[in-house]
Amino acid sequence: MEFDLANTEVVLVAAPKDFRDEELFIPEDVFSEAGAFVLTASTTKSPIHGSQGGSTEPDLHIEDINVDSLDALVIAGGSGARQYLWHNESLLGKVREANDKGKIIGAICVSGAIPALAGIMKDRMGTVYPDPEALDILKGHGEIYVDEGVVVDGNVVTTKGPQYAKEFAEAILGLLKQRLLTTI
Protein backbone atom coordinates (compact mmCIF):
# COMPACT_ATOMS: atom_id res chain seq x y z
CA MET A 1 0.00 0.00 0.00
CA GLU A 2 1.27 3.47 -0.92
CA PHE A 3 1.21 6.06 1.85
CA ASP A 4 0.54 9.73 1.33
CA LEU A 5 2.18 11.65 4.14
CA ALA A 6 1.39 15.04 2.54
CA ASN A 7 -0.81 16.03 5.50
CA THR A 8 1.82 14.95 8.05
CA GLU A 9 3.86 17.58 9.88
CA VAL A 10 7.21 16.80 11.50
CA VAL A 11 9.09 19.41 13.52
CA LEU A 12 12.83 18.83 13.86
CA VAL A 13 14.56 20.62 16.75
CA ALA A 14 18.29 21.34 16.79
CA ALA A 15 20.69 23.36 18.92
CA PRO A 16 21.86 26.67 17.45
CA LYS A 17 25.39 25.30 17.19
CA ASP A 18 27.14 21.95 17.46
CA PHE A 19 24.12 19.81 16.60
CA ARG A 20 25.19 16.57 14.94
CA ASP A 21 24.58 17.08 11.22
CA GLU A 22 23.50 13.51 10.42
CA GLU A 23 20.98 13.57 13.26
CA LEU A 24 19.18 16.54 11.71
CA PHE A 25 19.71 16.17 7.97
CA ILE A 26 19.19 12.40 7.54
CA PRO A 27 15.80 12.38 9.33
CA GLU A 28 14.85 15.56 7.43
CA ASP A 29 15.58 13.78 4.13
CA VAL A 30 13.73 10.60 5.14
CA PHE A 31 10.60 12.52 6.22
CA SER A 32 10.66 14.86 3.19
CA GLU A 33 11.12 11.98 0.74
CA ALA A 34 8.08 10.30 2.32
CA GLY A 35 6.04 13.42 1.57
CA ALA A 36 5.82 14.87 5.09
CA PHE A 37 5.86 18.62 5.69
CA VAL A 38 9.07 19.22 7.66
CA LEU A 39 9.87 22.29 9.75
CA THR A 40 13.06 23.03 11.67
CA ALA A 41 13.05 24.77 15.05
CA SER A 42 15.80 26.08 17.31
CA THR A 43 16.47 28.68 19.97
CA THR A 44 16.98 31.20 17.13
CA LYS A 45 15.79 31.84 13.58
CA SER A 46 19.32 32.81 12.54
CA PRO A 47 21.34 30.15 10.72
CA ILE A 48 22.32 27.23 12.96
CA HIS A 49 25.54 25.27 12.54
CA GLY A 50 26.31 21.60 12.93
CA SER A 51 29.50 20.13 14.36
CA GLN A 52 30.34 18.58 10.99
CA GLY A 53 30.09 21.84 9.00
CA GLY A 54 26.44 21.81 7.88
CA SER A 55 24.06 24.67 8.46
CA THR A 56 20.43 25.56 7.97
CA GLU A 57 18.03 28.36 8.76
CA PRO A 58 15.28 27.32 11.20
CA ASP A 59 11.67 27.93 10.28
CA LEU A 60 10.64 28.80 13.82
CA HIS A 61 11.66 29.31 17.43
CA ILE A 62 11.05 26.43 19.81
CA GLU A 63 8.51 28.62 21.64
CA ASP A 64 6.47 28.90 18.43
CA ILE A 65 6.06 25.16 17.84
CA ASN A 66 2.33 24.38 17.51
CA VAL A 67 1.99 20.94 19.07
CA ASP A 68 -1.64 20.65 17.91
CA SER A 69 -0.61 20.81 14.25
CA LEU A 70 2.37 18.46 14.33
CA ASP A 71 2.43 14.69 14.11
CA ALA A 72 6.00 14.18 15.33
CA LEU A 73 8.47 16.22 17.38
CA VAL A 74 12.03 15.05 16.69
CA ILE A 75 15.12 16.32 18.52
CA ALA A 76 18.62 16.10 17.04
CA GLY A 77 21.59 15.50 19.30
CA GLY A 78 25.21 16.56 19.29
CA SER A 79 27.22 18.39 21.93
CA GLY A 80 25.13 21.54 21.48
CA ALA A 81 22.01 19.69 22.62
CA ARG A 82 23.42 19.33 26.13
CA GLN A 83 24.20 23.05 26.35
CA TYR A 84 21.16 24.54 24.58
CA LEU A 85 18.34 21.99 24.73
CA TRP A 86 18.58 19.79 27.83
CA HIS A 87 17.30 22.50 30.15
CA ASN A 88 15.34 24.60 27.67
CA GLU A 89 12.01 25.00 29.48
CA SER A 90 10.13 25.78 26.26
CA LEU A 91 11.33 22.55 24.66
CA LEU A 92 10.66 20.48 27.79
CA GLY A 93 7.13 21.94 27.87
CA LYS A 94 6.59 21.10 24.17
CA VAL A 95 7.76 17.51 24.82
CA ARG A 96 5.33 17.16 27.74
CA GLU A 97 2.49 18.65 25.68
CA ALA A 98 3.27 16.41 22.71
CA ASN A 99 3.29 13.36 24.96
CA ASP A 100 0.00 14.38 26.62
CA LYS A 101 -1.57 14.70 23.15
CA GLY A 102 -0.21 11.34 21.97
CA LYS A 103 2.16 12.82 19.39
CA ILE A 104 5.26 10.92 18.29
CA ILE A 105 8.44 12.08 20.00
CA GLY A 106 11.91 11.26 18.76
CA ALA A 107 15.26 12.00 20.42
CA ILE A 108 18.66 10.95 19.13
CA CYS A 109 22.08 10.68 20.81
CA VAL A 110 22.46 12.85 23.95
CA SER A 111 19.04 14.37 23.22
CA GLY A 112 17.67 11.06 24.45
CA ALA A 113 17.95 12.65 27.90
CA ILE A 114 15.36 15.31 26.99
CA PRO A 115 12.22 13.11 27.25
CA ALA A 116 13.48 11.96 30.66
CA LEU A 117 14.14 15.56 31.74
CA ALA A 118 10.62 16.42 30.57
CA GLY A 119 9.34 13.75 32.96
CA ILE A 120 7.64 11.49 30.39
CA MET A 121 9.87 8.40 30.61
CA LYS A 122 9.20 6.99 34.09
CA ASP A 123 8.99 3.18 33.79
CA ARG A 124 9.42 3.43 30.02
CA MET A 125 12.25 2.05 27.91
CA GLY A 126 14.68 4.23 26.00
CA THR A 127 18.26 4.65 24.95
CA VAL A 128 20.78 7.46 24.80
CA TYR A 129 24.38 8.01 23.79
CA PRO A 130 26.26 6.22 26.60
CA ASP A 131 27.49 9.42 28.21
CA PRO A 132 27.68 9.13 32.03
CA GLU A 133 25.68 12.32 32.64
CA ALA A 134 22.97 11.31 30.15
CA LEU A 135 22.75 7.82 31.68
CA ASP A 136 22.41 9.36 35.15
CA ILE A 137 19.55 11.54 33.91
CA LEU A 138 17.69 8.49 32.57
CA LYS A 139 18.16 6.56 35.81
CA GLY A 140 17.30 9.59 37.93
CA HIS A 141 14.00 10.04 36.10
CA GLY A 142 12.96 6.39 36.28
CA GLU A 143 13.63 5.50 32.65
CA ILE A 144 14.62 1.92 31.82
CA TYR A 145 17.86 2.17 29.82
CA VAL A 146 18.14 -0.28 26.93
CA ASP A 147 21.58 -0.66 25.33
CA GLU A 148 20.33 -0.85 21.73
CA GLY A 149 20.64 1.38 18.67
CA VAL A 150 16.96 2.33 18.39
CA VAL A 151 14.30 1.85 21.05
CA VAL A 152 10.57 2.42 20.53
CA ASP A 153 8.29 2.59 23.57
CA GLY A 154 4.77 3.63 22.62
CA ASN A 155 4.97 7.08 21.04
CA VAL A 156 8.64 7.70 21.94
CA VAL A 157 11.61 6.71 19.76
CA THR A 158 15.14 7.12 21.12
CA THR A 159 18.47 6.38 19.49
CA LYS A 160 22.08 6.05 20.66
CA GLY A 161 23.91 8.07 18.03
CA PRO A 162 24.42 9.32 14.49
CA GLN A 163 25.15 5.88 13.04
CA TYR A 164 21.48 5.05 13.69
CA ALA A 165 20.02 8.24 12.18
CA LYS A 166 18.39 6.54 9.19
CA GLU A 167 17.04 3.63 11.25
CA PHE A 168 15.74 6.18 13.80
CA ALA A 169 13.94 8.19 11.12
CA GLU A 170 12.49 5.02 9.60
CA ALA A 171 11.16 3.93 13.01
CA ILE A 172 9.38 7.28 13.36
CA LEU A 173 8.12 6.99 9.79
CA GLY A 174 6.77 3.53 10.66
CA LEU A 175 4.80 5.00 13.58
CA LEU A 176 3.45 7.77 11.34
CA LYS A 177 2.35 5.20 8.73
CA GLN A 178 0.76 3.05 11.46
CA ARG A 179 -1.32 6.04 12.57
CA LEU A 180 -2.28 6.76 8.98
CA LEU A 181 -3.52 3.18 8.59
CA THR A 182 -5.76 3.52 11.65
CA THR A 183 -7.43 6.60 10.15
CA ILE A 184 -8.15 5.02 6.76
C-alpha atoms as a PDB file:
ATOM      1  CA  MET A   1       0.000   0.000   0.000  1.00  0.00           C
ATOM      2  CA  GLU A   2       1.272   3.471  -0.923  1.00  0.00           C
ATOM      3  CA  PHE A   3       1.213   6.058   1.852  1.00  0.00           C
ATOM      4  CA  ASP A   4       0.539   9.735   1.328  1.00  0.00           C
ATOM      5  CA  LEU A   5       2.182  11.654   4.141  1.00  0.00           C
ATOM      6  CA  ALA A   6       1.395  15.036   2.539  1.00  0.00           C
ATOM      7  CA  ASN A   7      -0.808  16.028   5.502  1.00  0.00           C
ATOM      8  CA  THR A   8       1.819  14.946   8.045  1.00  0.00           C
ATOM      9  CA  GLU A   9       3.856  17.578   9.878  1.00  0.00           C
ATOM     10  CA  VAL A  10       7.206  16.801  11.496  1.00  0.00           C
ATOM     11  CA  VAL A  11       9.094  19.412  13.519  1.00  0.00           C
ATOM     12  CA  LEU A  12      12.834  18.831  13.860  1.00  0.00           C
ATOM     13  CA  VAL A  13      14.556  20.616  16.753  1.00  0.00           C
ATOM     14  CA  ALA A  14      18.287  21.345  16.787  1.00  0.00           C
ATOM     15  CA  ALA A  15      20.688  23.357  18.924  1.00  0.00           C
ATOM     16  CA  PRO A  16      21.858  26.672  17.449  1.00  0.00           C
ATOM     17  CA  LYS A  17      25.390  25.298  17.187  1.00  0.00           C
ATOM     18  CA  ASP A  18      27.139  21.951  17.455  1.00  0.00           C
ATOM     19  CA  PHE A  19      24.118  19.815  16.599  1.00  0.00           C
ATOM     20  CA  ARG A  20      25.189  16.572  14.944  1.00  0.00           C
ATOM     21  CA  ASP A  21      24.581  17.078  11.217  1.00  0.00           C
ATOM     22  CA  GLU A  22      23.504  13.513  10.423  1.00  0.00           C
ATOM     23  CA  GLU A  23      20.985  13.574  13.257  1.00  0.00           C
ATOM     24  CA  LEU A  24      19.177  16.536  11.706  1.00  0.00           C
ATOM     25  CA  PHE A  25      19.707  16.171   7.968  1.00  0.00           C
ATOM     26  CA  ILE A  26      19.194  12.398   7.543  1.00  0.00           C
ATOM     27  CA  PRO A  27      15.800  12.383   9.326  1.00  0.00           C
ATOM     28  CA  GLU A  28      14.847  15.561   7.433  1.00  0.00           C
ATOM     29  CA  ASP A  29      15.583  13.782   4.133  1.00  0.00           C
ATOM     30  CA  VAL A  30      13.729  10.604   5.140  1.00  0.00           C
ATOM     31  CA  PHE A  31      10.596  12.524   6.215  1.00  0.00           C
ATOM     32  CA  SER A  32      10.663  14.861   3.194  1.00  0.00           C
ATOM     33  CA  GLU A  33      11.118  11.978   0.737  1.00  0.00           C
ATOM     34  CA  ALA A  34       8.081  10.299   2.315  1.00  0.00           C
ATOM     35  CA  GLY A  35       6.037  13.420   1.573  1.00  0.00           C
ATOM     36  CA  ALA A  36       5.824  14.870   5.086  1.00  0.00           C
ATOM     37  CA  PHE A  37       5.864  18.617   5.692  1.00  0.00           C
ATOM     38  CA  VAL A  38       9.065  19.222   7.665  1.00  0.00           C
ATOM     39  CA  LEU A  39       9.873  22.294   9.754  1.00  0.00           C
ATOM     40  CA  THR A  40      13.063  23.027  11.671  1.00  0.00           C
ATOM     41  CA  ALA A  41      13.047  24.773  15.053  1.00  0.00           C
ATOM     42  CA  SER A  42      15.799  26.080  17.310  1.00  0.00           C
ATOM     43  CA  THR A  43      16.470  28.684  19.967  1.00  0.00           C
ATOM     44  CA  THR A  44      16.982  31.196  17.131  1.00  0.00           C
ATOM     45  CA  LYS A  45      15.793  31.844  13.583  1.00  0.00           C
ATOM     46  CA  SER A  46      19.324  32.812  12.537  1.00  0.00           C
ATOM     47  CA  PRO A  47      21.342  30.146  10.717  1.00  0.00           C
ATOM     48  CA  ILE A  48      22.319  27.230  12.961  1.00  0.00           C
ATOM     49  CA  HIS A  49      25.544  25.271  12.543  1.00  0.00           C
ATOM     50  CA  GLY A  50      26.314  21.599  12.929  1.00  0.00           C
ATOM     51  CA  SER A  51      29.496  20.128  14.358  1.00  0.00           C
ATOM     52  CA  GLN A  52      30.339  18.576  10.985  1.00  0.00           C
ATOM     53  CA  GLY A  53      30.085  21.835   8.999  1.00  0.00           C
ATOM     54  CA  GLY A  54      26.443  21.806   7.881  1.00  0.00           C
ATOM     55  CA  SER A  55      24.065  24.674   8.456  1.00  0.00           C
ATOM     56  CA  THR A  56      20.427  25.558   7.970  1.00  0.00           C
ATOM     57  CA  GLU A  57      18.028  28.364   8.763  1.00  0.00           C
ATOM     58  CA  PRO A  58      15.285  27.318  11.195  1.00  0.00           C
ATOM     59  CA  ASP A  59      11.669  27.926  10.277  1.00  0.00           C
ATOM     60  CA  LEU A  60      10.638  28.801  13.816  1.00  0.00           C
ATOM     61  CA  HIS A  61      11.660  29.311  17.425  1.00  0.00           C
ATOM     62  CA  ILE A  62      11.052  26.431  19.806  1.00  0.00           C
ATOM     63  CA  GLU A  63       8.509  28.624  21.641  1.00  0.00           C
ATOM     64  CA  ASP A  64       6.466  28.905  18.427  1.00  0.00           C
ATOM     65  CA  ILE A  65       6.055  25.158  17.844  1.00  0.00           C
ATOM     66  CA  ASN A  66       2.331  24.381  17.511  1.00  0.00           C
ATOM     67  CA  VAL A  67       1.991  20.941  19.067  1.00  0.00           C
ATOM     68  CA  ASP A  68      -1.641  20.649  17.912  1.00  0.00           C
ATOM     69  CA  SER A  69      -0.614  20.806  14.246  1.00  0.00           C
ATOM     70  CA  LEU A  70       2.373  18.459  14.334  1.00  0.00           C
ATOM     71  CA  ASP A  71       2.433  14.688  14.108  1.00  0.00           C
ATOM     72  CA  ALA A  72       5.999  14.178  15.331  1.00  0.00           C
ATOM     73  CA  LEU A  73       8.466  16.217  17.379  1.00  0.00           C
ATOM     74  CA  VAL A  74      12.027  15.049  16.686  1.00  0.00           C
ATOM     75  CA  ILE A  75      15.122  16.317  18.522  1.00  0.00           C
ATOM     76  CA  ALA A  76      18.622  16.102  17.040  1.00  0.00           C
ATOM     77  CA  GLY A  77      21.591  15.497  19.301  1.00  0.00           C
ATOM     78  CA  GLY A  78      25.213  16.557  19.293  1.00  0.00           C
ATOM     79  CA  SER A  79      27.217  18.389  21.927  1.00  0.00           C
ATOM     80  CA  GLY A  80      25.132  21.542  21.477  1.00  0.00           C
ATOM     81  CA  ALA A  81      22.007  19.687  22.624  1.00  0.00           C
ATOM     82  CA  ARG A  82      23.421  19.331  26.132  1.00  0.00           C
ATOM     83  CA  GLN A  83      24.198  23.049  26.351  1.00  0.00           C
ATOM     84  CA  TYR A  84      21.161  24.541  24.579  1.00  0.00           C
ATOM     85  CA  LEU A  85      18.339  21.992  24.731  1.00  0.00           C
ATOM     86  CA  TRP A  86      18.584  19.790  27.827  1.00  0.00           C
ATOM     87  CA  HIS A  87      17.296  22.499  30.150  1.00  0.00           C
ATOM     88  CA  ASN A  88      15.335  24.605  27.666  1.00  0.00           C
ATOM     89  CA  GLU A  89      12.012  25.001  29.477  1.00  0.00           C
ATOM     90  CA  SER A  90      10.130  25.781  26.261  1.00  0.00           C
ATOM     91  CA  LEU A  91      11.328  22.548  24.662  1.00  0.00           C
ATOM     92  CA  LEU A  92      10.660  20.481  27.791  1.00  0.00           C
ATOM     93  CA  GLY A  93       7.131  21.936  27.871  1.00  0.00           C
ATOM     94  CA  LYS A  94       6.589  21.100  24.175  1.00  0.00           C
ATOM     95  CA  VAL A  95       7.760  17.509  24.816  1.00  0.00           C
ATOM     96  CA  ARG A  96       5.334  17.157  27.742  1.00  0.00           C
ATOM     97  CA  GLU A  97       2.490  18.649  25.683  1.00  0.00           C
ATOM     98  CA  ALA A  98       3.268  16.410  22.710  1.00  0.00           C
ATOM     99  CA  ASN A  99       3.286  13.356  24.961  1.00  0.00           C
ATOM    100  CA  ASP A 100      -0.002  14.383  26.618  1.00  0.00           C
ATOM    101  CA  LYS A 101      -1.567  14.702  23.154  1.00  0.00           C
ATOM    102  CA  GLY A 102      -0.205  11.341  21.972  1.00  0.00           C
ATOM    103  CA  LYS A 103       2.162  12.824  19.388  1.00  0.00           C
ATOM    104  CA  ILE A 104       5.256  10.921  18.288  1.00  0.00           C
ATOM    105  CA  ILE A 105       8.437  12.082  20.000  1.00  0.00           C
ATOM    106  CA  GLY A 106      11.913  11.261  18.758  1.00  0.00           C
ATOM    107  CA  ALA A 107      15.256  11.996  20.417  1.00  0.00           C
ATOM    108  CA  ILE A 108      18.656  10.951  19.134  1.00  0.00           C
ATOM    109  CA  CYS A 109      22.077  10.683  20.809  1.00  0.00           C
ATOM    110  CA  VAL A 110      22.465  12.852  23.952  1.00  0.00           C
ATOM    111  CA  SER A 111      19.037  14.374  23.216  1.00  0.00           C
ATOM    112  CA  GLY A 112      17.668  11.055  24.452  1.00  0.00           C
ATOM    113  CA  ALA A 113      17.951  12.653  27.896  1.00  0.00           C
ATOM    114  CA  ILE A 114      15.357  15.315  26.990  1.00  0.00           C
ATOM    115  CA  PRO A 115      12.223  13.114  27.246  1.00  0.00           C
ATOM    116  CA  ALA A 116      13.484  11.960  30.663  1.00  0.00           C
ATOM    117  CA  LEU A 117      14.145  15.558  31.736  1.00  0.00           C
ATOM    118  CA  ALA A 118      10.618  16.417  30.571  1.00  0.00           C
ATOM    119  CA  GLY A 119       9.336  13.748  32.962  1.00  0.00           C
ATOM    120  CA  ILE A 120       7.644  11.495  30.390  1.00  0.00           C
ATOM    121  CA  MET A 121       9.867   8.403  30.612  1.00  0.00           C
ATOM    122  CA  LYS A 122       9.200   6.986  34.090  1.00  0.00           C
ATOM    123  CA  ASP A 123       8.993   3.184  33.790  1.00  0.00           C
ATOM    124  CA  ARG A 124       9.419   3.430  30.016  1.00  0.00           C
ATOM    125  CA  MET A 125      12.247   2.045  27.906  1.00  0.00           C
ATOM    126  CA  GLY A 126      14.682   4.226  26.004  1.00  0.00           C
ATOM    127  CA  THR A 127      18.265   4.652  24.951  1.00  0.00           C
ATOM    128  CA  VAL A 128      20.781   7.458  24.797  1.00  0.00           C
ATOM    129  CA  TYR A 129      24.378   8.014  23.790  1.00  0.00           C
ATOM    130  CA  PRO A 130      26.257   6.221  26.599  1.00  0.00           C
ATOM    131  CA  ASP A 131      27.489   9.422  28.209  1.00  0.00           C
ATOM    132  CA  PRO A 132      27.682   9.129  32.030  1.00  0.00           C
ATOM    133  CA  GLU A 133      25.679  12.324  32.639  1.00  0.00           C
ATOM    134  CA  ALA A 134      22.971  11.310  30.151  1.00  0.00           C
ATOM    135  CA  LEU A 135      22.754   7.821  31.681  1.00  0.00           C
ATOM    136  CA  ASP A 136      22.413   9.359  35.153  1.00  0.00           C
ATOM    137  CA  ILE A 137      19.552  11.537  33.910  1.00  0.00           C
ATOM    138  CA  LEU A 138      17.694   8.495  32.568  1.00  0.00           C
ATOM    139  CA  LYS A 139      18.163   6.565  35.806  1.00  0.00           C
ATOM    140  CA  GLY A 140      17.295   9.592  37.934  1.00  0.00           C
ATOM    141  CA  HIS A 141      13.997  10.044  36.103  1.00  0.00           C
ATOM    142  CA  GLY A 142      12.960   6.392  36.276  1.00  0.00           C
ATOM    143  CA  GLU A 143      13.630   5.497  32.649  1.00  0.00           C
ATOM    144  CA  ILE A 144      14.621   1.923  31.820  1.00  0.00           C
ATOM    145  CA  TYR A 145      17.859   2.174  29.820  1.00  0.00           C
ATOM    146  CA  VAL A 146      18.142  -0.282  26.930  1.00  0.00           C
ATOM    147  CA  ASP A 147      21.581  -0.656  25.333  1.00  0.00           C
ATOM    148  CA  GLU A 148      20.334  -0.852  21.728  1.00  0.00           C
ATOM    149  CA  GLY A 149      20.642   1.382  18.671  1.00  0.00           C
ATOM    150  CA  VAL A 150      16.965   2.326  18.386  1.00  0.00           C
ATOM    151  CA  VAL A 151      14.296   1.850  21.050  1.00  0.00           C
ATOM    152  CA  VAL A 152      10.573   2.419  20.534  1.00  0.00           C
ATOM    153  CA  ASP A 153       8.291   2.590  23.573  1.00  0.00           C
ATOM    154  CA  GLY A 154       4.773   3.628  22.624  1.00  0.00           C
ATOM    155  CA  ASN A 155       4.969   7.076  21.038  1.00  0.00           C
ATOM    156  CA  VAL A 156       8.639   7.699  21.936  1.00  0.00           C
ATOM    157  CA  VAL A 157      11.607   6.708  19.759  1.00  0.00           C
ATOM    158  CA  THR A 158      15.138   7.117  21.119  1.00  0.00           C
ATOM    159  CA  THR A 159      18.475   6.376  19.488  1.00  0.00           C
ATOM    160  CA  LYS A 160      22.085   6.054  20.665  1.00  0.00           C
ATOM    161  CA  GLY A 161      23.908   8.065  18.029  1.00  0.00           C
ATOM    162  CA  PRO A 162      24.422   9.324  14.487  1.00  0.00           C
ATOM    163  CA  GLN A 163      25.153   5.876  13.038  1.00  0.00           C
ATOM    164  CA  TYR A 164      21.483   5.046  13.694  1.00  0.00           C
ATOM    165  CA  ALA A 165      20.024   8.245  12.178  1.00  0.00           C
ATOM    166  CA  LYS A 166      18.388   6.537   9.192  1.00  0.00           C
ATOM    167  CA  GLU A 167      17.041   3.627  11.253  1.00  0.00           C
ATOM    168  CA  PHE A 168      15.742   6.175  13.803  1.00  0.00           C
ATOM    169  CA  ALA A 169      13.941   8.187  11.121  1.00  0.00           C
ATOM    170  CA  GLU A 170      12.487   5.023   9.598  1.00  0.00           C
ATOM    171  CA  ALA A 171      11.156   3.928  13.012  1.00  0.00           C
ATOM    172  CA  ILE A 172       9.377   7.284  13.360  1.00  0.00           C
ATOM    173  CA  LEU A 173       8.123   6.988   9.789  1.00  0.00           C
ATOM    174  CA  GLY A 174       6.770   3.528  10.665  1.00  0.00           C
ATOM    175  CA  LEU A 175       4.799   4.995  13.582  1.00  0.00           C
ATOM    176  CA  LEU A 176       3.447   7.767  11.336  1.00  0.00           C
ATOM    177  CA  LYS A 177       2.352   5.197   8.734  1.00  0.00           C
ATOM    178  CA  GLN A 178       0.756   3.053  11.463  1.00  0.00           C
ATOM    179  CA  ARG A 179      -1.322   6.035  12.574  1.00  0.00           C
ATOM    180  CA  LEU A 180      -2.279   6.760   8.981  1.00  0.00           C
ATOM    181  CA  LEU A 181      -3.519   3.179   8.588  1.00  0.00           C
ATOM    182  CA  THR A 182      -5.757   3.519  11.648  1.00  0.00           C
ATOM    183  CA  THR A 183      -7.429   6.605  10.150  1.00  0.00           C
ATOM    184  CA  ILE A 184      -8.153   5.021   6.763  1.00  0.00           C
END
